[in-house]
Every structure is written in structure tokens, then in C-alpha cells.
Amino acid sequence: MKDHSELRRLLDGYGLTTAQILYRLPDHPHVLQTYVWQEYDLAPKFPVLLEFIDFWREKIEGPLHSVIYTHRRLIAANEWRRVDGELLVH
């Protein structure tokens, strides 16, 4: 059974954020490595992504080179419609 908090976040405007993180290897700073990160986040401030980037800078040895991200709301305004009635078929 799905967690109701996940549905609540979607209804509150959260969407799926995907970030491609390029970082330098600590022992070979001229070599770039890729890390892909995905989480539900709230645009345009992206508090979850920024928290992860802060964590990376504090705890991970590989210095960041760049972060490229994309965001897609999972429930958009055009996906809602009003229903005035219901027809039951046996």
C-alpha cells in the first residue's frame, strides 16, 4: 500500500527532480565522475536538492564540478477536471 504522505506531497506541488552531478575524483582531480540523484522536491526553490548539495560539500571528498537538473510536477493543473456525477455500470 502506498504511503499517504507521498500523495500529499504530490498534491502540494512537489514533483520529481533529477540531478546529474559531475564531480572530481579525489585522487585524480582531472577525471570527472557522474552521479545521478532523484527525489521529490518543490520548485523553484528546490530545498531537498540544495540540502543534498550541502551534504555533499560537507561529507563527500569529491569536489563538485557541476549540477544539471530537471524537474517535472507529477500532477499538473491540466490533469485535474471537475466531475459532476458518477455513472455505475454493473
N, C-alpha and C. Protein backbone atom coordinates (compact mmCIF):
# COMPACT_ATOMS: atom_id res chain seq x y z
N MET A 1 0.83 -1.18 0.00
CA MET A 1 0.00 0.00 0.00
C MET A 1 0.88 1.24 0.00
N LYS A 2 0.53 2.22 -0.83
CA LYS A 2 1.33 3.44 -0.95
C LYS A 2 1.18 4.30 0.29
N ASP A 3 2.24 5.03 0.57
CA ASP A 3 2.25 5.94 1.70
C ASP A 3 1.42 7.19 1.36
N HIS A 4 0.50 7.57 2.26
CA HIS A 4 -0.34 8.73 2.01
C HIS A 4 0.46 10.03 2.01
N SER A 5 1.60 10.06 2.68
CA SER A 5 2.41 11.28 2.68
C SER A 5 2.96 11.56 1.29
N GLU A 6 3.23 10.52 0.50
CA GLU A 6 3.70 10.71 -0.87
C GLU A 6 2.61 11.38 -1.70
N LEU A 7 1.39 10.92 -1.59
CA LEU A 7 0.28 11.54 -2.31
C LEU A 7 0.09 12.98 -1.85
N ARG A 8 0.21 13.23 -0.56
CA ARG A 8 0.06 14.59 -0.03
C ARG A 8 1.10 15.53 -0.63
N ARG A 9 2.34 15.05 -0.74
CA ARG A 9 3.39 15.88 -1.34
C ARG A 9 3.08 16.20 -2.80
N LEU A 10 2.58 15.20 -3.54
CA LEU A 10 2.24 15.44 -4.94
C LEU A 10 1.14 16.48 -5.06
N LEU A 11 0.15 16.39 -4.21
CA LEU A 11 -0.94 17.36 -4.24
C LEU A 11 -0.48 18.75 -3.80
N ASP A 12 0.55 18.82 -2.99
CA ASP A 12 1.09 20.10 -2.54
C ASP A 12 2.02 20.74 -3.57
N GLY A 13 2.23 20.08 -4.71
CA GLY A 13 3.03 20.68 -5.77
C GLY A 13 4.42 20.12 -5.94
N TYR A 14 4.77 19.13 -5.15
CA TYR A 14 6.08 18.51 -5.32
C TYR A 14 6.12 17.76 -6.64
N GLY A 15 7.30 17.63 -7.17
CA GLY A 15 7.49 16.87 -8.39
C GLY A 15 8.81 16.13 -8.33
N LEU A 16 9.05 15.33 -9.34
CA LEU A 16 10.27 14.54 -9.37
C LEU A 16 11.41 15.39 -9.93
N THR A 17 12.46 15.53 -9.14
CA THR A 17 13.65 16.26 -9.56
C THR A 17 14.76 15.26 -9.79
N THR A 18 15.40 15.37 -10.94
CA THR A 18 16.53 14.52 -11.28
C THR A 18 17.74 15.42 -11.50
N ALA A 19 18.85 15.09 -10.85
CA ALA A 19 20.06 15.88 -10.99
C ALA A 19 21.21 14.99 -11.45
N GLN A 20 21.94 15.49 -12.44
CA GLN A 20 23.17 14.84 -12.88
C GLN A 20 24.31 15.64 -12.25
N ILE A 21 25.04 15.00 -11.38
CA ILE A 21 26.11 15.66 -10.63
C ILE A 21 27.45 15.19 -11.18
N LEU A 22 28.25 16.12 -11.63
CA LEU A 22 29.61 15.81 -12.07
C LEU A 22 30.55 16.25 -10.95
N TYR A 23 31.44 15.35 -10.56
CA TYR A 23 32.38 15.66 -9.50
C TYR A 23 33.76 15.13 -9.86
N ARG A 24 34.76 15.71 -9.24
CA ARG A 24 36.15 15.30 -9.49
C ARG A 24 36.55 14.19 -8.53
N LEU A 25 37.26 13.22 -9.04
CA LEU A 25 37.77 12.16 -8.18
C LEU A 25 38.86 12.73 -7.27
N PRO A 26 38.82 12.41 -5.98
CA PRO A 26 39.80 12.99 -5.06
C PRO A 26 41.26 12.67 -5.42
N ASP A 27 41.52 11.44 -5.85
CA ASP A 27 42.90 11.05 -6.18
C ASP A 27 43.32 11.46 -7.59
N HIS A 28 42.35 11.76 -8.44
CA HIS A 28 42.62 12.14 -9.84
C HIS A 28 41.73 13.33 -10.20
N PRO A 29 42.08 14.53 -9.78
CA PRO A 29 41.20 15.69 -9.94
C PRO A 29 40.90 16.07 -11.40
N HIS A 30 41.66 15.53 -12.33
CA HIS A 30 41.39 15.83 -13.75
C HIS A 30 40.32 14.89 -14.33
N VAL A 31 39.88 13.88 -13.57
CA VAL A 31 38.87 12.92 -14.02
C VAL A 31 37.53 13.28 -13.40
N LEU A 32 36.48 13.35 -14.24
CA LEU A 32 35.13 13.63 -13.77
C LEU A 32 34.32 12.35 -13.68
N GLN A 33 33.54 12.23 -12.64
CA GLN A 33 32.65 11.10 -12.43
C GLN A 33 31.21 11.63 -12.39
N THR A 34 30.25 10.80 -12.81
CA THR A 34 28.85 11.21 -12.81
C THR A 34 28.08 10.48 -11.72
N TYR A 35 27.20 11.22 -11.06
CA TYR A 35 26.29 10.65 -10.07
C TYR A 35 24.89 11.17 -10.40
N VAL A 36 23.90 10.28 -10.46
CA VAL A 36 22.52 10.68 -10.75
C VAL A 36 21.71 10.58 -9.47
N TRP A 37 21.01 11.66 -9.15
CA TRP A 37 20.23 11.77 -7.91
C TRP A 37 18.78 12.06 -8.28
N GLN A 38 17.82 11.41 -7.61
CA GLN A 38 16.38 11.65 -7.85
C GLN A 38 15.65 11.71 -6.52
N GLU A 39 14.75 12.68 -6.42
CA GLU A 39 13.95 12.82 -5.20
C GLU A 39 12.79 13.75 -5.51
N TYR A 40 11.73 13.65 -4.71
CA TYR A 40 10.64 14.61 -4.82
C TYR A 40 11.10 15.92 -4.22
N ASP A 41 10.84 17.02 -4.93
CA ASP A 41 11.26 18.33 -4.48
C ASP A 41 10.26 19.39 -4.92
N LEU A 42 10.38 20.56 -4.38
CA LEU A 42 9.43 21.63 -4.62
C LEU A 42 10.12 22.75 -5.39
N ALA A 43 9.70 22.97 -6.63
CA ALA A 43 10.25 24.04 -7.46
C ALA A 43 9.59 25.35 -7.06
N PRO A 44 10.20 26.48 -7.19
CA PRO A 44 11.51 26.75 -7.80
C PRO A 44 12.66 26.82 -6.81
N LYS A 45 12.40 26.62 -5.52
CA LYS A 45 13.48 26.77 -4.53
C LYS A 45 14.31 25.51 -4.32
N PHE A 46 13.76 24.34 -4.62
CA PHE A 46 14.45 23.06 -4.53
C PHE A 46 15.16 22.85 -3.19
N PRO A 47 14.43 22.87 -2.09
CA PRO A 47 15.08 22.72 -0.77
C PRO A 47 15.73 21.36 -0.56
N VAL A 48 15.16 20.30 -1.11
CA VAL A 48 15.72 18.95 -0.92
C VAL A 48 17.03 18.81 -1.69
N LEU A 49 17.06 19.29 -2.92
CA LEU A 49 18.29 19.24 -3.73
C LEU A 49 19.38 20.08 -3.09
N LEU A 50 19.05 21.27 -2.64
CA LEU A 50 20.06 22.13 -2.01
C LEU A 50 20.59 21.51 -0.72
N GLU A 51 19.73 20.84 0.02
CA GLU A 51 20.18 20.14 1.24
C GLU A 51 21.15 19.02 0.88
N PHE A 52 20.86 18.30 -0.21
CA PHE A 52 21.75 17.22 -0.64
C PHE A 52 23.10 17.79 -1.10
N ILE A 53 23.08 18.90 -1.82
CA ILE A 53 24.33 19.52 -2.28
C ILE A 53 25.16 19.98 -1.08
N ASP A 54 24.51 20.55 -0.06
CA ASP A 54 25.22 20.94 1.16
C ASP A 54 25.84 19.72 1.84
N PHE A 55 25.07 18.62 1.90
CA PHE A 55 25.58 17.38 2.48
C PHE A 55 26.81 16.91 1.70
N TRP A 56 26.72 16.95 0.37
CA TRP A 56 27.84 16.51 -0.47
C TRP A 56 29.09 17.34 -0.17
N ARG A 57 28.95 18.65 -0.11
CA ARG A 57 30.10 19.52 0.13
C ARG A 57 30.74 19.28 1.50
N GLU A 58 29.92 18.92 2.50
CA GLU A 58 30.44 18.71 3.85
C GLU A 58 31.03 17.32 4.06
N LYS A 59 30.42 16.28 3.44
CA LYS A 59 30.77 14.90 3.79
C LYS A 59 31.50 14.11 2.71
N ILE A 60 31.36 14.49 1.45
CA ILE A 60 31.94 13.71 0.35
C ILE A 60 33.26 14.35 -0.08
N GLU A 61 34.26 13.53 -0.33
CA GLU A 61 35.58 14.04 -0.68
C GLU A 61 35.67 14.60 -2.09
N GLY A 62 34.89 14.07 -3.02
CA GLY A 62 34.98 14.52 -4.41
C GLY A 62 34.36 15.89 -4.61
N PRO A 63 35.16 16.91 -4.95
CA PRO A 63 34.61 18.25 -5.14
C PRO A 63 33.66 18.31 -6.35
N LEU A 64 32.60 19.07 -6.19
CA LEU A 64 31.61 19.22 -7.26
C LEU A 64 32.18 20.01 -8.43
N HIS A 65 31.85 19.56 -9.62
CA HIS A 65 32.19 20.29 -10.83
C HIS A 65 30.97 21.04 -11.33
N SER A 66 29.84 20.33 -11.45
CA SER A 66 28.60 20.96 -11.92
C SER A 66 27.41 20.09 -11.53
N VAL A 67 26.24 20.74 -11.52
CA VAL A 67 24.97 20.06 -11.25
C VAL A 67 23.99 20.51 -12.32
N ILE A 68 23.44 19.55 -13.05
CA ILE A 68 22.42 19.81 -14.07
C ILE A 68 21.16 19.11 -13.59
N TYR A 69 20.05 19.83 -13.57
CA TYR A 69 18.83 19.23 -13.02
C TYR A 69 17.64 19.48 -13.92
N THR A 70 16.63 18.64 -13.74
CA THR A 70 15.34 18.80 -14.41
C THR A 70 14.26 18.49 -13.38
N HIS A 71 13.10 19.07 -13.60
CA HIS A 71 12.01 18.92 -12.64
C HIS A 71 10.71 18.76 -13.41
N ARG A 72 9.87 17.84 -12.95
CA ARG A 72 8.57 17.61 -13.58
C ARG A 72 7.55 17.38 -12.49
N ARG A 73 6.56 18.27 -12.44
CA ARG A 73 5.46 18.05 -11.49
C ARG A 73 4.69 16.82 -11.94
N LEU A 74 4.40 15.96 -11.01
CA LEU A 74 3.73 14.71 -11.36
C LEU A 74 2.24 14.89 -11.51
N ILE A 75 1.68 15.89 -10.86
CA ILE A 75 0.27 16.20 -11.03
C ILE A 75 0.21 17.66 -11.47
N ALA A 76 -0.11 17.88 -12.74
CA ALA A 76 -0.17 19.23 -13.28
C ALA A 76 -1.61 19.73 -13.28
N ALA A 77 -1.77 21.04 -13.41
CA ALA A 77 -3.10 21.65 -13.38
C ALA A 77 -4.00 21.11 -14.49
N ASN A 78 -3.46 20.82 -15.64
CA ASN A 78 -4.28 20.35 -16.75
C ASN A 78 -4.74 18.90 -16.57
N GLU A 79 -4.26 18.21 -15.54
CA GLU A 79 -4.67 16.84 -15.29
C GLU A 79 -5.87 16.75 -14.34
N TRP A 80 -6.30 17.88 -13.79
CA TRP A 80 -7.46 17.92 -12.90
C TRP A 80 -8.68 18.32 -13.69
N ARG A 81 -9.79 17.72 -13.40
CA ARG A 81 -11.04 18.14 -14.01
C ARG A 81 -12.18 17.87 -13.04
N ARG A 82 -13.18 18.68 -13.15
CA ARG A 82 -14.31 18.56 -12.25
C ARG A 82 -15.25 17.45 -12.73
N VAL A 83 -15.73 16.66 -11.81
CA VAL A 83 -16.68 15.60 -12.11
C VAL A 83 -17.98 15.93 -11.39
N ASP A 84 -19.08 16.08 -12.18
CA ASP A 84 -20.36 16.45 -11.61
C ASP A 84 -21.21 15.26 -11.22
N GLY A 85 -20.91 14.11 -11.74
CA GLY A 85 -21.72 12.95 -11.43
C GLY A 85 -20.94 11.68 -11.61
N GLU A 86 -21.61 10.58 -11.32
CA GLU A 86 -20.97 9.28 -11.44
C GLU A 86 -21.98 8.30 -11.98
N LEU A 87 -21.57 7.51 -12.93
CA LEU A 87 -22.44 6.50 -13.54
C LEU A 87 -21.89 5.14 -13.19
N LEU A 88 -22.67 4.34 -12.52
CA LEU A 88 -22.25 2.99 -12.14
C LEU A 88 -22.82 1.98 -13.11
N VAL A 89 -21.98 1.11 -13.60
CA VAL A 89 -22.41 0.03 -14.50
C VAL A 89 -22.10 -1.29 -13.81
N HIS A 90 -23.10 -2.16 -13.78
CA HIS A 90 -22.91 -3.44 -13.09
C HIS A 90 -22.02 -4.36 -13.86
